[in-house]
Amino acid sequence: MSSTDPNLQNIPIRTATGRLIRQAFIAPEGRVLLAADYSQIELRLMAHFSGDASLTEAFKQGLDIHTATAAEVLGKAVDEVTATERRNAKAINFGLLYGMSAFGLAKQLSMSRGEAQDYINLYFSRYPGVRAYMQDTRTDAYDKGYVQTILGRRLYTPDIESRNRMVKQAAERAAINAPLQGSAADIIKLAMIAVDQVLDDNHADNAKMLLQVHDELVFEVDSDKADEIGGAIKTAMQNVLSDTAKELGWDIDFAVPLVVEVGMGENWDDAH
């Protein structure tokens, strides 16, 4: 669940140095490292919680969500979206999860604050369910003093009543993000239990779980069984929410598919 000396859960993947460090973690002879990662799980949770029709449909169709967002916001066909337009859409897709302001978006995309605000306004006009989710979640946090994850776990928001404007705004942003990030944490923990059972039942001598990093699970598996084990892990992770809900009688009908991407290699970097 956690690690120190080194903190393996805090090694970057998007920098050259981080990827070089990951190359130092090497599977023993006859084995490979296998990484299974939930694809864009917090955006999928946003689609579920918000019920936004356009966002939900994009995930159901298996579209690249950032390209689909750019096409939706700009009124273009998907195949007409440029790399820059996709990058801008990606920034707002993830930025809104963490309460990014027009100022923050403008700084990230090197545009004026007015242009960034126009883009945000256009985004919300195309995805009204996302705006409603953000407003409703903020209201819930004020009224109840907490928000909830998909499994009903409460995340308390005492600072939302603060008289300090900056503290209050930070609490509002946290309240909007907490059900998404908290639900992703719920799901990965369920996945660890489900996958552990799959490995115990079928591959006790061929694989072991090494590490959980955010939405990713890392395994060490026998090279000659890697494809088979990777498939079993992927199936267990993708079905864990529906299987657990069915088993325990929970009323959870997840709005979009959970998708897991599996990679493998002789070292941790190659596994991506």
Foldseek 3Di string as FASTA:
>chain_A
DFDVPPTPLPQDQPDPVSLVVQQVFFFPPQKWKKKKFWDPQLLLVLCQLLVFPQSLVCQQVVHPNLLSLLCLLVVHDSVVDDPLSSVLSVCCSVCVLQPHALVRSCVVSVHDSVVSVVSVVSSCVSGVSSVVLLVVLLVCCVVPQWDAAPVGDTDGQVQCPPPPPVSNVNSSSCSSNCNSQVNLVVLQVLLVVQLVVVCVVPPVPFKDWDDDHRRMTMMMGRPVCVVVSQVVSQVSSQCRVVVVCVVVVNPDDRSHTTGMDMAIDRTSSRRD
